Amino acid sequence: MRLMMPTEGYALFPTAIGHCAVAWGAHGLTGVQLPEADEAATRARMARRVAHGREAPAPPPVQAAMRAVVALLDGRPDDPADLSDIVLDMRGVPPFHQRVYALARRIAPGETLTYGEVARQLGEPGAARAVGQALGANPFAPVVPCHRVLAAHNRAGGFSANGGIDTKLRLLLIERARFNGPGLFDEDRVTAPSHGHPRAPGHPGG
């Protein structure tokens, strides 16, 4: 997704799951990128996403946001753990998407909601599919934590980042996600396959 907000620059930074990237402008972060297959692929993806702007040293507020993302992906989120202090520039984001993202940002690490629950909390109980579409277009993952929103019956649902559902489940594993009692990845609920990626309960993987 090409960033619609005016962007001054972008920067890559290493995390526990690979090189992420952030883009910024005068009014906050204009985009956040989860890792692609490698650092070069993440850089190429950001170059495509940023209409104006170039790779550059991040200013102090952006460096603080980068440190917060690093801590989150390392399983030791700083305070506030929901990254709610990171300013996002959503001027080019559709109003409904903004409402979905604002609600998603209130889901704490380790907690989850379903698309239907998000829709109901928005006062639009028939909008679960629209919620999923909004999260699929999320330009700010993981600051807007779309990985914490699941399909009905707590199935993993979709995920548009590189790696798809495997990446979504990896993020939830880092956060020791919990819902309706036991942790999502407790040993009696799920077994990690030999290649190291967790599988969701009831999800065939692949």
N, C-alpha and C. Protein backbone atom coordinates (compact mmCIF):
# COMPACT_ATOMS: atom_id res chain seq x y z
N MET A 1 0.84 -1.19 0.00
CA MET A 1 0.00 0.00 0.00
C MET A 1 0.88 1.25 0.00
N ARG A 2 0.69 2.13 -1.00
CA ARG A 2 1.44 3.37 -1.06
C ARG A 2 0.91 4.32 0.00
N LEU A 3 1.83 4.99 0.72
CA LEU A 3 1.43 5.90 1.78
C LEU A 3 0.85 7.16 1.18
N MET A 4 -0.31 7.58 1.70
CA MET A 4 -1.00 8.76 1.19
C MET A 4 -0.58 10.02 1.91
N MET A 5 -0.09 9.90 3.15
CA MET A 5 0.28 11.07 3.94
C MET A 5 1.66 11.58 3.51
N PRO A 6 1.87 12.91 3.52
CA PRO A 6 3.18 13.45 3.19
C PRO A 6 4.26 12.86 4.09
N THR A 7 5.32 12.35 3.48
CA THR A 7 6.36 11.63 4.21
C THR A 7 7.71 12.30 3.98
N GLU A 8 8.40 12.55 5.09
CA GLU A 8 9.70 13.21 5.01
C GLU A 8 10.85 12.21 4.85
N GLY A 9 10.69 11.03 5.41
CA GLY A 9 11.76 10.05 5.32
C GLY A 9 11.33 8.72 5.90
N TYR A 10 12.20 7.72 5.73
CA TYR A 10 11.94 6.43 6.33
C TYR A 10 13.26 5.82 6.78
N ALA A 11 13.17 4.88 7.71
CA ALA A 11 14.37 4.24 8.24
C ALA A 11 14.06 2.79 8.57
N LEU A 12 15.05 1.92 8.39
CA LEU A 12 14.94 0.52 8.78
C LEU A 12 15.60 0.32 10.13
N PHE A 13 15.16 -0.71 10.85
CA PHE A 13 15.78 -1.01 12.14
C PHE A 13 15.59 -2.49 12.45
N PRO A 14 16.59 -3.11 13.08
CA PRO A 14 16.51 -4.55 13.36
C PRO A 14 15.63 -4.84 14.57
N THR A 15 14.89 -5.95 14.50
CA THR A 15 14.08 -6.42 15.62
C THR A 15 14.29 -7.92 15.75
N ALA A 16 13.65 -8.51 16.74
CA ALA A 16 13.78 -9.94 16.97
C ALA A 16 13.21 -10.78 15.84
N ILE A 17 12.36 -10.20 15.00
CA ILE A 17 11.76 -10.98 13.91
C ILE A 17 12.25 -10.54 12.53
N GLY A 18 13.23 -9.65 12.49
CA GLY A 18 13.75 -9.16 11.22
C GLY A 18 13.73 -7.65 11.17
N HIS A 19 14.12 -7.09 10.03
CA HIS A 19 14.19 -5.64 9.88
C HIS A 19 12.80 -5.06 9.61
N CYS A 20 12.35 -4.21 10.52
CA CYS A 20 11.15 -3.43 10.32
C CYS A 20 11.53 -2.07 9.75
N ALA A 21 10.53 -1.25 9.45
CA ALA A 21 10.80 0.09 8.94
C ALA A 21 9.68 1.02 9.40
N VAL A 22 10.02 2.30 9.49
CA VAL A 22 9.04 3.33 9.80
C VAL A 22 9.22 4.48 8.82
N ALA A 23 8.12 5.14 8.50
CA ALA A 23 8.14 6.37 7.71
C ALA A 23 7.50 7.46 8.54
N TRP A 24 7.94 8.68 8.35
CA TRP A 24 7.42 9.76 9.19
C TRP A 24 7.26 11.04 8.39
N GLY A 25 6.43 11.91 8.97
CA GLY A 25 6.21 13.24 8.42
C GLY A 25 6.06 14.24 9.54
N ALA A 26 5.56 15.41 9.22
CA ALA A 26 5.45 16.48 10.21
C ALA A 26 4.41 16.18 11.27
N HIS A 27 3.48 15.26 11.00
CA HIS A 27 2.37 15.01 11.93
C HIS A 27 2.42 13.62 12.55
N GLY A 28 3.58 12.98 12.53
CA GLY A 28 3.71 11.67 13.14
C GLY A 28 4.15 10.61 12.15
N LEU A 29 4.06 9.36 12.56
CA LEU A 29 4.42 8.26 11.66
C LEU A 29 3.39 8.15 10.55
N THR A 30 3.87 8.02 9.34
CA THR A 30 2.97 7.85 8.19
C THR A 30 2.86 6.39 7.76
N GLY A 31 3.71 5.54 8.29
CA GLY A 31 3.65 4.13 7.96
C GLY A 31 4.63 3.33 8.81
N VAL A 32 4.30 2.08 9.05
CA VAL A 32 5.18 1.14 9.73
C VAL A 32 5.17 -0.14 8.92
N GLN A 33 6.32 -0.77 8.78
CA GLN A 33 6.44 -1.95 7.93
C GLN A 33 7.00 -3.12 8.74
N LEU A 34 6.26 -4.23 8.80
CA LEU A 34 6.80 -5.46 9.36
C LEU A 34 7.82 -6.04 8.38
N PRO A 35 8.69 -6.95 8.85
CA PRO A 35 9.77 -7.45 8.00
C PRO A 35 9.27 -8.16 6.75
N GLU A 36 9.98 -7.92 5.66
CA GLU A 36 9.85 -8.73 4.46
C GLU A 36 10.83 -9.91 4.59
N ALA A 37 11.14 -10.58 3.50
CA ALA A 37 11.98 -11.78 3.57
C ALA A 37 13.37 -11.48 4.11
N ASP A 38 13.89 -10.30 3.81
CA ASP A 38 15.20 -9.90 4.32
C ASP A 38 15.26 -8.38 4.33
N GLU A 39 16.40 -7.85 4.81
CA GLU A 39 16.54 -6.39 4.93
C GLU A 39 16.38 -5.69 3.58
N ALA A 40 16.96 -6.26 2.54
CA ALA A 40 16.88 -5.63 1.22
C ALA A 40 15.43 -5.58 0.73
N ALA A 41 14.68 -6.64 1.01
CA ALA A 41 13.28 -6.66 0.58
C ALA A 41 12.45 -5.65 1.35
N THR A 42 12.74 -5.48 2.64
CA THR A 42 12.04 -4.46 3.43
C THR A 42 12.36 -3.07 2.90
N ARG A 43 13.61 -2.83 2.58
CA ARG A 43 14.00 -1.52 2.03
C ARG A 43 13.29 -1.27 0.70
N ALA A 44 13.25 -2.28 -0.15
CA ALA A 44 12.59 -2.12 -1.45
C ALA A 44 11.10 -1.87 -1.26
N ARG A 45 10.49 -2.56 -0.30
CA ARG A 45 9.06 -2.36 -0.04
C ARG A 45 8.79 -0.93 0.42
N MET A 46 9.64 -0.41 1.29
CA MET A 46 9.43 0.97 1.77
C MET A 46 9.64 1.97 0.64
N ALA A 47 10.60 1.71 -0.22
CA ALA A 47 10.83 2.62 -1.34
C ALA A 47 9.60 2.68 -2.24
N ARG A 48 8.89 1.55 -2.38
CA ARG A 48 7.66 1.54 -3.17
C ARG A 48 6.52 2.23 -2.44
N ARG A 49 6.48 2.10 -1.12
CA ARG A 49 5.37 2.66 -0.35
C ARG A 49 5.46 4.17 -0.23
N VAL A 50 6.66 4.71 -0.18
CA VAL A 50 6.85 6.14 0.09
C VAL A 50 6.89 6.90 -1.23
N ALA A 51 5.85 7.68 -1.48
CA ALA A 51 5.78 8.44 -2.72
C ALA A 51 6.83 9.55 -2.75
N HIS A 52 7.01 10.21 -1.63
CA HIS A 52 8.00 11.28 -1.50
C HIS A 52 8.76 11.04 -0.20
N GLY A 53 10.02 11.31 -0.20
CA GLY A 53 10.84 11.03 0.97
C GLY A 53 11.90 10.00 0.62
N ARG A 54 12.87 9.88 1.49
CA ARG A 54 14.00 9.00 1.22
C ARG A 54 14.45 8.38 2.53
N GLU A 55 15.27 7.36 2.43
CA GLU A 55 15.83 6.77 3.65
C GLU A 55 16.74 7.80 4.31
N ALA A 56 16.57 7.97 5.62
CA ALA A 56 17.27 9.03 6.33
C ALA A 56 17.38 8.68 7.81
N PRO A 57 18.31 9.31 8.52
CA PRO A 57 18.36 9.10 9.98
C PRO A 57 17.05 9.54 10.63
N ALA A 58 16.56 8.73 11.54
CA ALA A 58 15.28 9.04 12.19
C ALA A 58 15.46 10.13 13.24
N PRO A 59 14.55 11.10 13.30
CA PRO A 59 14.60 12.11 14.36
C PRO A 59 14.26 11.49 15.71
N PRO A 60 14.56 12.17 16.81
CA PRO A 60 14.38 11.57 18.15
C PRO A 60 13.00 10.98 18.42
N PRO A 61 11.88 11.64 18.09
CA PRO A 61 10.58 11.01 18.38
C PRO A 61 10.38 9.70 17.61
N VAL A 62 10.91 9.63 16.40
CA VAL A 62 10.80 8.40 15.62
C VAL A 62 11.72 7.32 16.19
N GLN A 63 12.90 7.71 16.67
CA GLN A 63 13.78 6.76 17.33
C GLN A 63 13.10 6.15 18.55
N ALA A 64 12.35 6.97 19.29
CA ALA A 64 11.63 6.45 20.46
C ALA A 64 10.58 5.44 20.03
N ALA A 65 9.88 5.72 18.92
CA ALA A 65 8.89 4.77 18.41
C ALA A 65 9.56 3.48 17.98
N MET A 66 10.71 3.57 17.34
CA MET A 66 11.45 2.38 16.91
C MET A 66 11.84 1.54 18.12
N ARG A 67 12.32 2.19 19.18
CA ARG A 67 12.70 1.44 20.39
C ARG A 67 11.48 0.73 20.99
N ALA A 68 10.33 1.38 20.95
CA ALA A 68 9.12 0.76 21.49
C ALA A 68 8.71 -0.47 20.69
N VAL A 69 8.83 -0.40 19.36
CA VAL A 69 8.51 -1.55 18.53
C VAL A 69 9.51 -2.68 18.78
N VAL A 70 10.79 -2.34 18.90
CA VAL A 70 11.81 -3.36 19.19
C VAL A 70 11.48 -4.08 20.50
N ALA A 71 11.12 -3.31 21.53
CA ALA A 71 10.80 -3.92 22.82
C ALA A 71 9.56 -4.80 22.73
N LEU A 72 8.55 -4.34 21.99
CA LEU A 72 7.33 -5.13 21.81
C LEU A 72 7.64 -6.47 21.15
N LEU A 73 8.42 -6.43 20.08
CA LEU A 73 8.72 -7.65 19.32
C LEU A 73 9.74 -8.54 20.03
N ASP A 74 10.35 -8.00 21.07
CA ASP A 74 11.26 -8.79 21.90
C ASP A 74 10.52 -9.41 23.08
N GLY A 75 9.20 -9.15 23.16
CA GLY A 75 8.40 -9.70 24.24
C GLY A 75 8.53 -8.98 25.55
N ARG A 76 9.04 -7.75 25.53
CA ARG A 76 9.20 -6.96 26.76
C ARG A 76 8.77 -5.52 26.50
N PRO A 77 7.49 -5.31 26.18
CA PRO A 77 7.03 -3.98 25.80
C PRO A 77 7.25 -2.94 26.89
N ASP A 78 7.64 -1.75 26.48
CA ASP A 78 7.80 -0.63 27.40
C ASP A 78 6.43 -0.13 27.83
N ASP A 79 6.41 0.79 28.77
CA ASP A 79 5.18 1.44 29.19
C ASP A 79 5.00 2.72 28.37
N PRO A 80 3.83 2.92 27.70
CA PRO A 80 2.66 2.04 27.68
C PRO A 80 2.85 0.86 26.72
N ALA A 81 2.45 -0.31 27.19
CA ALA A 81 2.67 -1.53 26.41
C ALA A 81 1.89 -1.54 25.10
N ASP A 82 0.79 -0.77 25.04
CA ASP A 82 -0.02 -0.76 23.81
C ASP A 82 0.51 0.25 22.78
N LEU A 83 1.65 0.89 23.06
CA LEU A 83 2.28 1.85 22.15
C LEU A 83 1.36 3.04 21.84
N SER A 84 0.43 3.33 22.77
CA SER A 84 -0.55 4.39 22.52
C SER A 84 0.06 5.77 22.50
N ASP A 85 1.31 5.88 22.95
CA ASP A 85 1.96 7.20 22.94
C ASP A 85 2.61 7.51 21.59
N ILE A 86 2.62 6.55 20.66
CA ILE A 86 3.19 6.80 19.34
C ILE A 86 2.16 7.53 18.48
N VAL A 87 2.53 8.68 17.95
CA VAL A 87 1.61 9.51 17.17
C VAL A 87 1.61 9.01 15.72
N LEU A 88 0.41 8.73 15.23
CA LEU A 88 0.24 8.26 13.85
C LEU A 88 -0.47 9.33 13.04
N ASP A 89 -0.01 9.57 11.83
CA ASP A 89 -0.65 10.52 10.92
C ASP A 89 -1.66 9.74 10.08
N MET A 90 -2.94 9.91 10.41
CA MET A 90 -3.99 9.16 9.72
C MET A 90 -4.83 10.05 8.81
N ARG A 91 -4.30 11.16 8.39
CA ARG A 91 -5.11 12.08 7.58
C ARG A 91 -5.55 11.49 6.26
N GLY A 92 -4.83 10.52 5.74
CA GLY A 92 -5.24 9.90 4.48
C GLY A 92 -5.96 8.58 4.66
N VAL A 93 -6.29 8.24 5.91
CA VAL A 93 -6.94 6.96 6.21
C VAL A 93 -8.45 7.16 6.26
N PRO A 94 -9.24 6.29 5.62
CA PRO A 94 -10.70 6.44 5.65
C PRO A 94 -11.24 6.47 7.08
N PRO A 95 -12.30 7.23 7.32
CA PRO A 95 -12.83 7.39 8.69
C PRO A 95 -13.17 6.07 9.38
N PHE A 96 -13.80 5.13 8.68
CA PHE A 96 -14.13 3.85 9.33
C PHE A 96 -12.86 3.13 9.73
N HIS A 97 -11.86 3.13 8.87
CA HIS A 97 -10.59 2.49 9.20
C HIS A 97 -9.97 3.14 10.43
N GLN A 98 -10.06 4.45 10.53
CA GLN A 98 -9.52 5.15 11.70
C GLN A 98 -10.18 4.66 12.97
N ARG A 99 -11.50 4.45 12.93
CA ARG A 99 -12.21 3.96 14.11
C ARG A 99 -11.75 2.55 14.47
N VAL A 100 -11.58 1.70 13.46
CA VAL A 100 -11.11 0.34 13.71
C VAL A 100 -9.71 0.38 14.32
N TYR A 101 -8.83 1.19 13.76
CA TYR A 101 -7.46 1.25 14.26
C TYR A 101 -7.41 1.78 15.68
N ALA A 102 -8.22 2.80 15.98
CA ALA A 102 -8.24 3.35 17.34
C ALA A 102 -8.67 2.29 18.34
N LEU A 103 -9.66 1.48 17.98
CA LEU A 103 -10.11 0.43 18.89
C LEU A 103 -9.04 -0.66 19.01
N ALA A 104 -8.44 -1.04 17.88
CA ALA A 104 -7.41 -2.08 17.91
C ALA A 104 -6.24 -1.66 18.79
N ARG A 105 -5.93 -0.38 18.81
CA ARG A 105 -4.80 0.08 19.61
C ARG A 105 -5.08 -0.05 21.11
N ARG A 106 -6.32 -0.24 21.48
CA ARG A 106 -6.66 -0.40 22.90
C ARG A 106 -6.57 -1.86 23.35
N ILE A 107 -6.30 -2.77 22.41
CA ILE A 107 -6.13 -4.18 22.78
C ILE A 107 -4.70 -4.36 23.29
N ALA A 108 -4.57 -4.74 24.54
CA ALA A 108 -3.24 -4.86 25.15
C ALA A 108 -2.50 -6.09 24.63
N PRO A 109 -1.17 -6.07 24.65
CA PRO A 109 -0.42 -7.27 24.31
C PRO A 109 -0.87 -8.47 25.15
N GLY A 110 -1.05 -9.61 24.48
CA GLY A 110 -1.51 -10.80 25.17
C GLY A 110 -3.01 -10.96 25.15
N GLU A 111 -3.74 -9.92 24.73
CA GLU A 111 -5.19 -9.99 24.63
C GLU A 111 -5.59 -10.05 23.16
N THR A 112 -6.79 -10.54 22.89
CA THR A 112 -7.29 -10.60 21.52
C THR A 112 -8.78 -10.28 21.51
N LEU A 113 -9.26 -9.86 20.34
CA LEU A 113 -10.68 -9.74 20.05
C LEU A 113 -10.91 -10.41 18.70
N THR A 114 -12.16 -10.72 18.39
CA THR A 114 -12.50 -11.19 17.06
C THR A 114 -12.97 -10.02 16.21
N TYR A 115 -13.02 -10.24 14.90
CA TYR A 115 -13.53 -9.20 14.01
C TYR A 115 -14.95 -8.80 14.42
N GLY A 116 -15.76 -9.80 14.78
CA GLY A 116 -17.13 -9.51 15.19
C GLY A 116 -17.19 -8.71 16.47
N GLU A 117 -16.31 -9.01 17.42
CA GLU A 117 -16.28 -8.25 18.67
C GLU A 117 -15.88 -6.81 18.43
N VAL A 118 -14.91 -6.59 17.55
CA VAL A 118 -14.53 -5.21 17.21
C VAL A 118 -15.72 -4.49 16.59
N ALA A 119 -16.40 -5.15 15.67
CA ALA A 119 -17.56 -4.52 15.03
C ALA A 119 -18.62 -4.14 16.05
N ARG A 120 -18.89 -5.04 16.98
CA ARG A 120 -19.91 -4.74 17.99
C ARG A 120 -19.47 -3.59 18.89
N GLN A 121 -18.19 -3.56 19.25
CA GLN A 121 -17.72 -2.46 20.10
C GLN A 121 -17.76 -1.12 19.36
N LEU A 122 -17.71 -1.18 18.05
CA LEU A 122 -17.85 0.04 17.25
C LEU A 122 -19.31 0.45 17.09
N GLY A 123 -20.22 -0.39 17.58
CA GLY A 123 -21.64 -0.11 17.41
C GLY A 123 -22.18 -0.50 16.05
N GLU A 124 -21.43 -1.35 15.32
CA GLU A 124 -21.84 -1.80 13.99
C GLU A 124 -21.70 -3.31 13.92
N PRO A 125 -22.64 -4.04 14.57
CA PRO A 125 -22.47 -5.49 14.71
C PRO A 125 -22.46 -6.27 13.40
N GLY A 126 -22.92 -5.68 12.31
CA GLY A 126 -22.89 -6.38 11.03
C GLY A 126 -21.65 -6.09 10.21
N ALA A 127 -20.67 -5.43 10.78
CA ALA A 127 -19.53 -4.93 10.01
C ALA A 127 -18.26 -5.76 10.20
N ALA A 128 -18.38 -7.02 10.60
CA ALA A 128 -17.18 -7.82 10.84
C ALA A 128 -16.30 -7.91 9.59
N ARG A 129 -16.92 -8.10 8.42
CA ARG A 129 -16.14 -8.19 7.19
C ARG A 129 -15.43 -6.87 6.90
N ALA A 130 -16.12 -5.76 7.12
CA ALA A 130 -15.50 -4.45 6.90
C ALA A 130 -14.35 -4.22 7.87
N VAL A 131 -14.49 -4.71 9.10
CA VAL A 131 -13.39 -4.62 10.06
C VAL A 131 -12.17 -5.39 9.52
N GLY A 132 -12.40 -6.60 9.02
CA GLY A 132 -11.30 -7.38 8.46
C GLY A 132 -10.63 -6.69 7.29
N GLN A 133 -11.43 -6.04 6.44
CA GLN A 133 -10.86 -5.32 5.30
C GLN A 133 -10.03 -4.13 5.77
N ALA A 134 -10.52 -3.43 6.79
CA ALA A 134 -9.77 -2.29 7.32
C ALA A 134 -8.44 -2.74 7.89
N LEU A 135 -8.45 -3.83 8.64
CA LEU A 135 -7.22 -4.33 9.23
C LEU A 135 -6.28 -4.87 8.17
N GLY A 136 -6.83 -5.43 7.09
CA GLY A 136 -5.99 -5.90 5.99
C GLY A 136 -5.27 -4.77 5.28
N ALA A 137 -5.81 -3.55 5.39
CA ALA A 137 -5.20 -2.38 4.77
C ALA A 137 -4.38 -1.56 5.75
N ASN A 138 -4.17 -2.09 6.95
CA ASN A 138 -3.49 -1.37 8.03
C ASN A 138 -2.06 -1.00 7.62
N PRO A 139 -1.74 0.32 7.54
CA PRO A 139 -0.38 0.72 7.17
C PRO A 139 0.55 0.90 8.37
N PHE A 140 0.09 0.53 9.58
CA PHE A 140 0.84 0.85 10.79
C PHE A 140 1.17 -0.37 11.65
N ALA A 141 1.07 -1.58 11.13
CA ALA A 141 1.38 -2.77 11.94
C ALA A 141 2.87 -2.80 12.31
N PRO A 142 3.22 -3.12 13.56
CA PRO A 142 2.36 -3.60 14.64
C PRO A 142 1.91 -2.52 15.62
N VAL A 143 2.17 -1.24 15.30
CA VAL A 143 1.70 -0.18 16.22
C VAL A 143 0.19 -0.21 16.30
N VAL A 144 -0.48 -0.36 15.16
CA VAL A 144 -1.89 -0.76 15.17
C VAL A 144 -1.88 -2.28 15.09
N PRO A 145 -2.19 -2.97 16.20
CA PRO A 145 -1.92 -4.41 16.30
C PRO A 145 -3.01 -5.26 15.68
N CYS A 146 -3.08 -5.27 14.36
CA CYS A 146 -4.09 -6.08 13.68
C CYS A 146 -3.91 -7.56 13.95
N HIS A 147 -2.71 -7.98 14.37
CA HIS A 147 -2.50 -9.39 14.68
C HIS A 147 -3.29 -9.84 15.91
N ARG A 148 -3.77 -8.89 16.71
CA ARG A 148 -4.54 -9.24 17.91
C ARG A 148 -6.03 -9.40 17.63
N VAL A 149 -6.42 -9.30 16.38
CA VAL A 149 -7.82 -9.46 16.01
C VAL A 149 -7.94 -10.76 15.21
N LEU A 150 -8.80 -11.65 15.71
CA LEU A 150 -8.92 -13.00 15.17
C LEU A 150 -10.26 -13.18 14.45
N ALA A 151 -10.37 -14.26 13.73
CA ALA A 151 -11.62 -14.61 13.08
C ALA A 151 -12.58 -15.23 14.10
N ALA A 152 -13.79 -15.55 13.66
CA ALA A 152 -14.78 -16.16 14.54
C ALA A 152 -14.24 -17.44 15.16
N HIS A 153 -14.70 -17.74 16.37
CA HIS A 153 -14.29 -18.93 17.11
C HIS A 153 -12.79 -18.94 17.39
N ASN A 154 -12.21 -17.74 17.46
CA ASN A 154 -10.78 -17.57 17.79
C ASN A 154 -9.85 -18.28 16.81
N ARG A 155 -10.28 -18.42 15.56
CA ARG A 155 -9.35 -18.87 14.52
C ARG A 155 -8.46 -17.70 14.13
N ALA A 156 -7.34 -18.03 13.52
CA ALA A 156 -6.33 -17.00 13.26
C ALA A 156 -6.83 -15.92 12.31
N GLY A 157 -7.64 -16.28 11.31
CA GLY A 157 -8.04 -15.29 10.32
C GLY A 157 -6.89 -15.00 9.37
N GLY A 158 -7.01 -13.90 8.62
CA GLY A 158 -5.98 -13.56 7.64
C GLY A 158 -4.94 -12.62 8.20
N PHE A 159 -3.89 -12.41 7.41
CA PHE A 159 -2.84 -11.46 7.78
C PHE A 159 -2.09 -11.12 6.51
N SER A 160 -2.01 -9.82 6.20
CA SER A 160 -1.48 -9.41 4.90
C SER A 160 0.03 -9.19 4.89
N ALA A 161 0.70 -9.23 6.05
CA ALA A 161 2.14 -9.02 6.09
C ALA A 161 2.87 -10.23 5.50
N ASN A 162 4.15 -10.05 5.19
CA ASN A 162 4.97 -11.15 4.69
C ASN A 162 4.91 -12.32 5.68
N GLY A 163 4.70 -13.51 5.17
CA GLY A 163 4.59 -14.69 6.03
C GLY A 163 3.16 -15.03 6.38
N GLY A 164 2.23 -14.11 6.14
CA GLY A 164 0.82 -14.38 6.35
C GLY A 164 0.50 -14.82 7.76
N ILE A 165 -0.32 -15.86 7.87
CA ILE A 165 -0.79 -16.31 9.18
C ILE A 165 0.36 -16.76 10.07
N ASP A 166 1.42 -17.33 9.50
CA ASP A 166 2.57 -17.72 10.33
C ASP A 166 3.14 -16.52 11.07
N THR A 167 3.22 -15.38 10.39
CA THR A 167 3.73 -14.17 11.05
C THR A 167 2.76 -13.70 12.13
N LYS A 168 1.47 -13.73 11.83
CA LYS A 168 0.46 -13.34 12.83
C LYS A 168 0.60 -14.19 14.09
N LEU A 169 0.71 -15.49 13.91
CA LEU A 169 0.82 -16.38 15.06
C LEU A 169 2.15 -16.20 15.79
N ARG A 170 3.19 -15.87 15.05
CA ARG A 170 4.47 -15.62 15.70
C ARG A 170 4.38 -14.40 16.61
N LEU A 171 3.71 -13.35 16.15
CA LEU A 171 3.54 -12.16 16.97
C LEU A 171 2.72 -12.48 18.22
N LEU A 172 1.66 -13.26 18.06
CA LEU A 172 0.85 -13.64 19.21
C LEU A 172 1.62 -14.53 20.17
N LEU A 173 2.49 -15.39 19.63
CA LEU A 173 3.32 -16.23 20.47
C LEU A 173 4.27 -15.37 21.31
N ILE A 174 4.89 -14.38 20.70
CA ILE A 174 5.78 -13.48 21.43
C ILE A 174 5.04 -12.83 22.60
N GLU A 175 3.77 -12.50 22.36
CA GLU A 175 2.99 -11.80 23.38
C GLU A 175 2.28 -12.75 24.35
N ARG A 176 2.46 -14.07 24.16
CA ARG A 176 1.79 -15.07 24.98
C ARG A 176 0.30 -14.78 25.03
N ALA A 177 -0.30 -14.68 23.88
CA ALA A 177 -1.71 -14.29 23.76
C ALA A 177 -2.60 -15.20 24.58
N ARG A 178 -3.59 -14.59 25.21
CA ARG A 178 -4.54 -15.31 26.04
C ARG A 178 -5.95 -14.91 25.64
N PHE A 179 -6.87 -15.87 25.69
CA PHE A 179 -8.27 -15.56 25.49
C PHE A 179 -9.10 -16.69 26.09
N ASN A 180 -10.18 -16.31 26.72
CA ASN A 180 -11.10 -17.28 27.33
C ASN A 180 -10.37 -18.28 28.22
N GLY A 181 -9.39 -17.83 28.96
CA GLY A 181 -8.73 -18.72 29.92
C GLY A 181 -7.31 -19.05 29.52
N PRO A 182 -7.03 -20.28 29.05
CA PRO A 182 -5.64 -20.69 28.77
C PRO A 182 -5.00 -19.86 27.67
N GLY A 183 -3.66 -19.80 27.70
CA GLY A 183 -2.95 -19.08 26.67
C GLY A 183 -3.15 -19.72 25.31
N LEU A 184 -3.15 -18.89 24.28
CA LEU A 184 -3.37 -19.39 22.91
C LEU A 184 -2.35 -20.44 22.52
N PHE A 185 -1.12 -20.31 23.04
CA PHE A 185 -0.06 -21.22 22.65
C PHE A 185 0.43 -22.08 23.80
N ASP A 186 -0.41 -22.28 24.83
CA ASP A 186 -0.03 -23.23 25.87
C ASP A 186 0.17 -24.61 25.24
N GLU A 187 1.05 -25.40 25.82
CA GLU A 187 1.43 -26.67 25.19
C GLU A 187 0.24 -27.62 25.01
N ASP A 188 -0.78 -27.50 25.89
CA ASP A 188 -1.90 -28.41 25.75
C ASP A 188 -2.90 -27.94 24.72
N ARG A 189 -2.65 -26.79 24.08
CA ARG A 189 -3.58 -26.27 23.08
C ARG A 189 -2.98 -26.29 21.69
N VAL A 190 -1.67 -26.20 21.56
CA VAL A 190 -1.06 -26.08 20.24
C VAL A 190 0.35 -26.63 20.28
N THR A 191 0.79 -27.23 19.20
CA THR A 191 2.13 -27.76 19.10
C THR A 191 2.84 -27.08 17.94
N ALA A 192 4.02 -26.55 18.19
CA ALA A 192 4.78 -25.91 17.12
C ALA A 192 5.35 -26.98 16.22
N PRO A 193 5.19 -26.84 14.89
CA PRO A 193 5.75 -27.82 13.96
C PRO A 193 7.26 -27.71 13.90
N SER A 194 7.88 -28.65 13.21
CA SER A 194 9.33 -28.76 13.22
C SER A 194 10.02 -27.56 12.63
N HIS A 195 9.37 -26.80 11.71
CA HIS A 195 10.05 -25.65 11.13
C HIS A 195 9.95 -24.43 12.03
N GLY A 196 9.33 -24.56 13.20
CA GLY A 196 9.41 -23.51 14.19
C GLY A 196 8.27 -22.54 14.20
N HIS A 197 7.32 -22.63 13.29
CA HIS A 197 6.19 -21.71 13.27
C HIS A 197 5.03 -22.31 14.05
N PRO A 198 4.40 -21.52 14.96
CA PRO A 198 3.25 -22.05 15.68
C PRO A 198 2.05 -22.20 14.76
N ARG A 199 1.15 -23.11 15.09
CA ARG A 199 -0.08 -23.28 14.35
C ARG A 199 -1.26 -22.93 15.25
N ALA A 200 -2.26 -22.32 14.67
CA ALA A 200 -3.43 -21.95 15.44
C ALA A 200 -4.27 -23.18 15.72
N PRO A 201 -5.00 -23.17 16.86
CA PRO A 201 -5.93 -24.27 17.09
C PRO A 201 -6.92 -24.39 15.94
N GLY A 202 -7.00 -25.57 15.35
CA GLY A 202 -7.96 -25.80 14.27
C GLY A 202 -7.50 -25.31 12.92
N HIS A 203 -6.32 -24.70 12.81
CA HIS A 203 -5.84 -24.20 11.53
C HIS A 203 -4.88 -25.19 10.92
N PRO A 204 -5.06 -25.55 9.65
CA PRO A 204 -4.24 -26.59 9.04
C PRO A 204 -2.82 -26.15 8.73
N GLY A 205 -2.57 -24.83 8.74
CA GLY A 205 -1.23 -24.38 8.39
C GLY A 205 -0.98 -24.48 6.90
N GLY A 206 0.31 -24.32 6.52
CA GLY A 206 0.65 -24.46 5.10
C GLY A 206 0.52 -23.18 4.33
